[in-house]
Amino acid sequence: MRNIDENTITGEVISRHQDAQNPRLEEVMTSLVRHLHDFAREVKLTEAEWAKGIQFLREAGDITNDRRQEFILLSDTLGLSMLVTAQNQRKPEGCTESTVFGPFHVEGAPVFEHGEDIANGAVGEPCYVRGRVVDRDHRGVANAAIEVWQADAEGFYDVQRAPEGEHRARGNFKSDATGAFHFRSILAEAYPIPHDGPVGKMLRALGRHPWRPAHLHFRISAPGYQTLVTHVFRDGGKYLDSDAVFGVRSSLIAKWVRHEPGPAPGGTTSAGPFYTLDFDFVLANVA
């Protein structure tokens, strides 16, 4: 077709997908084209606005590298990450809910023994974390792989401070024969997502803040069970109802209990105040 206009172009583009070798790719791209075209018609997109959008995407690409994923931040702040997670990670009743993965997970973090300090010098008040990995009948899941990571008290992950530096407030464990685990880290604090790039500009233009409520990240996996990617959020936090990436679930909110200086878990003594967190994770069986 040569004389394509604003009303006929959508059908023409879609018709050219008919020889796609992958049916799922054809389905996804056909729907994407249809919705993109409908969006442009609905808002009466101008050429200047279209160019602005292309510029935004270019800037997001320019700032992205193997340590910073601006497109994940974009997906997170538009709620797309949580939407995809929610529709793909439905859990049976009683199982721990999933939430967004986030852009700061690192493969190959150090492996620790139970009770060890994963903070490794990260700034923050001491916090002792313990819990169990269990199945739906609350039987312990032995040798589950537990990955933990968090920001420090100043709102930075280790990879933001020193991309090639030491891992801090990050570590891997295996649950014991009863599914239990325990380790020392630092108190989770609220922090802003990186907002010095195009996503930050977008949030400011929309009158939105970049803050996430205090949380710990976990990824837990074991043979025969669905891998769980989740957070544990600190109760009482300011941003629990306005998380910049829409990741909060009520079932994932827990109390960090403050203790005065003195005897601490593991037979140690703390010279200053410290916190404890207890949280169990219930895994869903592979369907």
Protein backbone atom coordinates (compact mmCIF):
# COMPACT_ATOMS: atom_id res chain seq x y z
CA MET A 1 0.00 0.00 0.00
CA ARG A 2 1.38 3.40 -1.04
CA ASN A 3 -1.14 5.99 0.05
CA ILE A 4 -1.02 5.24 3.76
CA ASP A 5 -2.67 7.72 6.11
CA GLU A 6 -3.11 8.00 9.88
CA ASN A 7 -6.10 5.66 9.79
CA THR A 8 -4.69 2.90 7.59
CA ILE A 9 -1.05 2.72 8.70
CA THR A 10 -1.69 0.48 11.72
CA GLY A 11 -3.26 -2.30 9.71
CA GLU A 12 -0.51 -2.07 7.11
CA VAL A 13 2.27 -2.39 9.68
CA ILE A 14 0.56 -5.37 11.33
CA SER A 15 0.02 -7.10 7.99
CA ARG A 16 3.76 -7.19 7.49
CA HIS A 17 4.18 -9.41 10.57
CA GLN A 18 2.38 -12.33 8.90
CA ASP A 19 5.59 -14.11 7.92
CA ALA A 20 7.15 -13.96 11.39
CA GLN A 21 8.76 -17.29 12.27
CA ASN A 22 7.97 -17.01 15.97
CA PRO A 23 4.21 -16.89 16.71
CA ARG A 24 4.75 -15.36 20.15
CA LEU A 25 6.93 -12.60 18.69
CA GLU A 26 4.23 -11.88 16.13
CA GLU A 27 1.59 -11.70 18.87
CA VAL A 28 3.63 -9.38 21.08
CA MET A 29 4.77 -7.04 18.30
CA THR A 30 1.30 -6.84 16.75
CA SER A 31 -0.20 -5.82 20.08
CA LEU A 32 2.65 -3.38 20.72
CA VAL A 33 2.14 -1.65 17.38
CA ARG A 34 -1.61 -1.46 17.87
CA HIS A 35 -1.31 0.07 21.35
CA LEU A 36 1.48 2.47 20.38
CA HIS A 37 -0.52 3.76 17.44
CA ASP A 38 -3.68 4.09 19.54
CA PHE A 39 -1.66 5.98 22.17
CA ALA A 40 -0.33 8.42 19.57
CA ARG A 41 -3.84 9.02 18.26
CA GLU A 42 -5.40 9.38 21.72
CA VAL A 43 -2.98 12.06 22.91
CA LYS A 44 -2.56 13.59 19.42
CA LEU A 45 1.21 13.21 19.74
CA THR A 46 3.11 16.10 18.16
CA GLU A 47 6.36 15.79 16.24
CA ALA A 48 8.16 17.78 18.93
CA GLU A 49 6.86 15.44 21.66
CA TRP A 50 7.84 12.39 19.61
CA ALA A 51 11.37 13.79 19.21
CA LYS A 52 11.49 14.47 22.96
CA GLY A 53 10.58 10.84 23.61
CA ILE A 54 13.32 9.59 21.30
CA GLN A 55 15.79 11.87 23.08
CA PHE A 56 14.68 10.47 26.44
CA LEU A 57 15.33 6.91 25.27
CA ARG A 58 18.72 7.87 23.88
CA GLU A 59 19.71 9.46 27.19
CA ALA A 60 18.54 6.35 29.05
CA GLY A 61 20.76 4.26 26.79
CA ASP A 62 23.73 6.57 27.23
CA ILE A 63 23.66 6.35 31.04
CA THR A 64 23.10 2.59 31.14
CA ASN A 65 26.02 0.25 31.72
CA ASP A 66 26.65 -3.11 33.37
CA ARG A 67 26.31 -1.48 36.82
CA ARG A 68 23.40 0.86 36.15
CA GLN A 69 20.24 -0.10 34.32
CA GLU A 70 18.24 3.03 33.55
CA PHE A 71 15.70 1.03 31.58
CA ILE A 72 14.98 -1.14 34.63
CA LEU A 73 14.48 2.07 36.63
CA LEU A 74 12.11 3.30 33.93
CA SER A 75 10.17 0.03 33.97
CA ASP A 76 10.09 0.07 37.78
CA THR A 77 8.85 3.65 38.09
CA LEU A 78 6.16 3.15 35.44
CA GLY A 79 4.84 0.18 37.41
CA LEU A 80 5.57 -2.18 34.53
CA SER A 81 8.08 -4.28 36.48
CA MET A 82 5.61 -4.90 39.29
CA LEU A 83 2.80 -5.62 36.83
CA VAL A 84 4.88 -8.26 35.04
CA THR A 85 5.98 -9.72 38.39
CA ALA A 86 2.43 -9.85 39.73
CA GLN A 87 0.98 -11.62 36.71
CA ASN A 88 3.84 -14.12 36.43
CA GLN A 89 4.52 -14.83 40.12
CA ARG A 90 1.10 -15.66 41.53
CA LYS A 91 1.61 -17.74 44.65
CA PRO A 92 -0.60 -20.30 46.40
CA GLU A 93 -2.17 -19.06 49.61
CA GLY A 94 0.30 -18.89 52.45
CA CYS A 95 3.40 -18.53 50.31
CA THR A 96 5.66 -15.49 50.50
CA GLU A 97 4.80 -12.93 47.86
CA SER A 98 7.22 -11.81 45.17
CA THR A 99 8.13 -8.24 44.36
CA VAL A 100 10.43 -6.38 41.97
CA PHE A 101 13.98 -7.60 41.40
CA GLY A 102 15.54 -4.14 41.18
CA PRO A 103 18.69 -3.12 39.31
CA PHE A 104 21.35 -3.83 41.96
CA HIS A 105 21.57 -7.60 42.22
CA VAL A 106 25.08 -8.95 41.58
CA GLU A 107 25.96 -12.51 40.60
CA GLY A 108 28.79 -14.17 42.46
CA ALA A 109 28.51 -12.35 45.79
CA PRO A 110 30.59 -13.76 48.67
CA VAL A 111 29.40 -16.90 50.45
CA PHE A 112 29.07 -16.61 54.24
CA GLU A 113 28.59 -18.99 57.12
CA HIS A 114 25.62 -18.55 59.42
CA GLY A 115 26.08 -15.71 61.88
CA GLU A 116 28.74 -13.90 59.88
CA ASP A 117 28.66 -10.16 59.16
CA ILE A 118 27.81 -9.37 55.54
CA ALA A 119 28.02 -5.59 56.10
CA ASN A 120 31.79 -5.65 55.56
CA GLY A 121 32.12 -2.03 56.63
CA ALA A 122 28.90 -0.69 55.11
CA VAL A 123 27.58 2.35 56.99
CA GLY A 124 24.68 1.62 59.33
CA GLU A 125 23.54 0.47 62.74
CA PRO A 126 24.03 -3.25 63.47
CA CYS A 127 21.16 -5.54 62.63
CA TYR A 128 20.85 -9.28 63.24
CA VAL A 129 18.59 -11.18 60.83
CA ARG A 130 17.26 -14.68 61.31
CA GLY A 131 14.54 -16.84 59.86
CA ARG A 132 13.66 -20.06 58.13
CA VAL A 133 12.96 -21.19 54.60
CA VAL A 134 9.97 -23.54 54.71
CA ASP A 135 7.42 -25.21 52.47
CA ARG A 136 3.66 -24.68 52.64
CA ASP A 137 3.43 -27.21 55.48
CA HIS A 138 6.12 -25.24 57.35
CA ARG A 139 8.66 -28.00 57.00
CA GLY A 140 12.20 -26.67 56.69
CA VAL A 141 13.78 -26.52 53.24
CA ALA A 142 17.40 -27.58 53.68
CA ASN A 143 20.27 -26.18 51.59
CA ALA A 144 18.16 -23.44 50.01
CA ALA A 145 20.33 -20.84 48.28
CA ILE A 146 19.71 -17.48 49.96
CA GLU A 147 20.99 -14.27 48.35
CA VAL A 148 20.74 -11.03 50.33
CA TRP A 149 21.57 -7.45 49.37
CA GLN A 150 20.70 -3.98 50.61
CA ALA A 151 21.61 -0.30 50.53
CA ASP A 152 23.65 1.27 53.32
CA ALA A 153 22.43 3.94 55.76
CA GLU A 154 23.31 6.68 53.25
CA GLY A 155 21.16 5.12 50.54
CA PHE A 156 23.82 3.55 48.35
CA TYR A 157 24.47 -0.01 47.24
CA ASP A 158 28.06 -1.19 47.12
CA VAL A 159 28.11 -1.13 43.31
CA GLN A 160 27.10 2.52 43.32
CA ARG A 161 29.96 3.48 45.59
CA ALA A 162 32.71 1.44 43.94
CA PRO A 163 31.71 -0.62 40.91
CA GLU A 164 34.86 -2.71 41.11
CA GLY A 165 35.24 -2.56 44.89
CA GLU A 166 34.46 -4.93 47.71
CA HIS A 167 31.00 -6.37 48.20
CA ARG A 168 29.27 -4.74 51.15
CA ALA A 169 25.87 -5.45 52.69
CA ARG A 170 25.56 -8.33 50.26
CA GLY A 171 26.07 -12.06 50.65
CA ASN A 172 24.96 -15.61 49.92
CA PHE A 173 24.04 -18.40 52.35
CA LYS A 174 22.65 -21.91 52.45
CA SER A 175 19.85 -22.76 54.83
CA ASP A 176 20.70 -25.46 57.38
CA ALA A 177 19.06 -28.86 57.75
CA THR A 178 16.00 -27.25 59.39
CA GLY A 179 15.73 -24.44 56.83
CA ALA A 180 17.13 -21.89 59.29
CA PHE A 181 19.58 -19.07 58.58
CA HIS A 182 20.97 -16.10 60.49
CA PHE A 183 23.44 -13.34 59.75
CA ARG A 184 24.50 -9.86 60.77
CA SER A 185 24.11 -6.82 58.56
CA ILE A 186 23.00 -3.21 59.01
CA LEU A 187 19.66 -1.57 59.64
CA ALA A 188 17.63 -1.06 56.47
CA GLU A 189 16.91 2.61 55.73
CA ALA A 190 14.77 4.39 53.14
CA TYR A 191 16.68 5.63 50.10
CA PRO A 192 16.05 7.27 46.73
CA ILE A 193 16.52 5.33 43.52
CA PRO A 194 19.16 6.91 41.24
CA HIS A 195 17.53 10.10 40.00
CA ASP A 196 20.38 11.97 38.32
CA GLY A 197 19.42 10.65 34.88
CA PRO A 198 16.42 10.82 32.54
CA VAL A 199 14.19 8.76 34.85
CA GLY A 200 14.85 11.26 37.64
CA LYS A 201 13.95 14.12 35.31
CA MET A 202 10.73 12.35 34.43
CA LEU A 203 9.80 11.88 38.10
CA ARG A 204 10.45 15.53 38.90
CA ALA A 205 8.39 16.67 35.91
CA LEU A 206 5.52 14.49 37.14
CA GLY A 207 5.79 15.79 40.71
CA ARG A 208 6.82 12.36 41.98
CA HIS A 209 9.50 11.49 44.54
CA PRO A 210 12.22 8.85 43.95
CA TRP A 211 12.15 7.25 47.41
CA ARG A 212 11.87 3.60 48.35
CA PRO A 213 10.90 2.44 51.85
CA ALA A 214 13.55 0.64 53.92
CA HIS A 215 13.96 -3.00 52.88
CA LEU A 216 16.20 -6.02 52.43
CA HIS A 217 16.34 -7.87 49.11
CA PHE A 218 16.19 -11.67 49.01
CA ARG A 219 16.41 -14.24 46.24
CA ILE A 220 15.81 -17.79 47.47
CA SER A 221 15.98 -20.94 45.40
CA ALA A 222 15.85 -24.68 46.05
CA PRO A 223 15.24 -27.75 43.84
CA GLY A 224 11.54 -28.50 43.51
CA TYR A 225 10.45 -24.98 44.48
CA GLN A 226 9.74 -21.78 42.61
CA THR A 227 12.55 -19.24 42.94
CA LEU A 228 11.42 -16.42 45.18
CA VAL A 229 12.50 -12.82 44.52
CA THR A 230 11.20 -10.54 47.24
CA HIS A 231 11.88 -7.81 49.80
CA VAL A 232 11.26 -7.54 53.53
CA PHE A 233 10.11 -4.00 54.32
CA ARG A 234 10.69 -2.21 57.61
CA ASP A 235 7.49 -1.45 59.47
CA GLY A 236 6.69 2.20 60.15
CA GLY A 237 8.58 3.56 57.18
CA LYS A 238 7.61 6.85 55.58
CA TYR A 239 7.32 5.58 52.02
CA LEU A 240 5.45 2.30 52.47
CA ASP A 241 2.38 3.82 50.82
CA SER A 242 4.24 5.70 48.09
CA ASP A 243 7.09 3.41 47.04
CA ALA A 244 8.58 4.86 43.84
CA VAL A 245 8.52 1.41 42.20
CA PHE A 246 5.19 0.13 43.63
CA GLY A 247 6.79 -2.93 45.24
CA VAL A 248 5.28 -2.96 48.75
CA ARG A 249 3.02 -5.80 49.87
CA SER A 250 1.50 -5.84 53.36
CA SER A 251 2.61 -9.44 53.91
CA LEU A 252 6.25 -8.37 53.38
CA ILE A 253 6.28 -5.71 56.12
CA ALA A 254 8.05 -6.77 59.32
CA LYS A 255 9.22 -5.22 62.58
CA TRP A 256 12.86 -4.38 63.16
CA VAL A 257 13.16 -4.52 66.96
CA ARG A 258 15.53 -2.04 68.61
CA HIS A 259 17.68 -3.19 71.54
CA GLU A 260 19.82 -1.22 73.96
CA PRO A 261 23.58 -1.88 74.17
CA GLY A 262 24.45 -5.19 75.74
CA PRO A 263 24.16 -8.88 74.93
CA ALA A 264 23.47 -9.50 71.25
CA PRO A 265 22.62 -12.60 69.17
CA GLY A 266 25.34 -15.17 68.70
CA GLY A 267 26.81 -14.67 72.12
CA THR A 268 28.27 -11.29 71.24
CA THR A 269 28.03 -7.96 73.02
CA SER A 270 27.05 -4.72 71.30
CA ALA A 271 28.57 -1.46 72.50
CA GLY A 272 25.74 0.51 70.93
CA PRO A 273 22.06 -0.01 70.12
CA PHE A 274 21.26 -2.76 67.63
CA TYR A 275 18.25 -4.23 65.84
CA THR A 276 16.88 -7.69 65.18
CA LEU A 277 14.65 -8.95 62.40
CA ASP A 278 12.88 -12.31 62.30
CA PHE A 279 11.22 -13.40 59.06
CA ASP A 280 10.32 -16.77 57.57
CA PHE A 281 9.98 -17.42 53.84
CA VAL A 282 7.41 -19.89 52.54
CA LEU A 283 8.30 -21.32 49.12
CA ALA A 284 5.82 -22.55 46.52
CA ASN A 285 6.35 -25.92 44.88
CA VAL A 286 7.16 -26.04 41.20
CA ALA A 287 3.89 -26.71 39.41
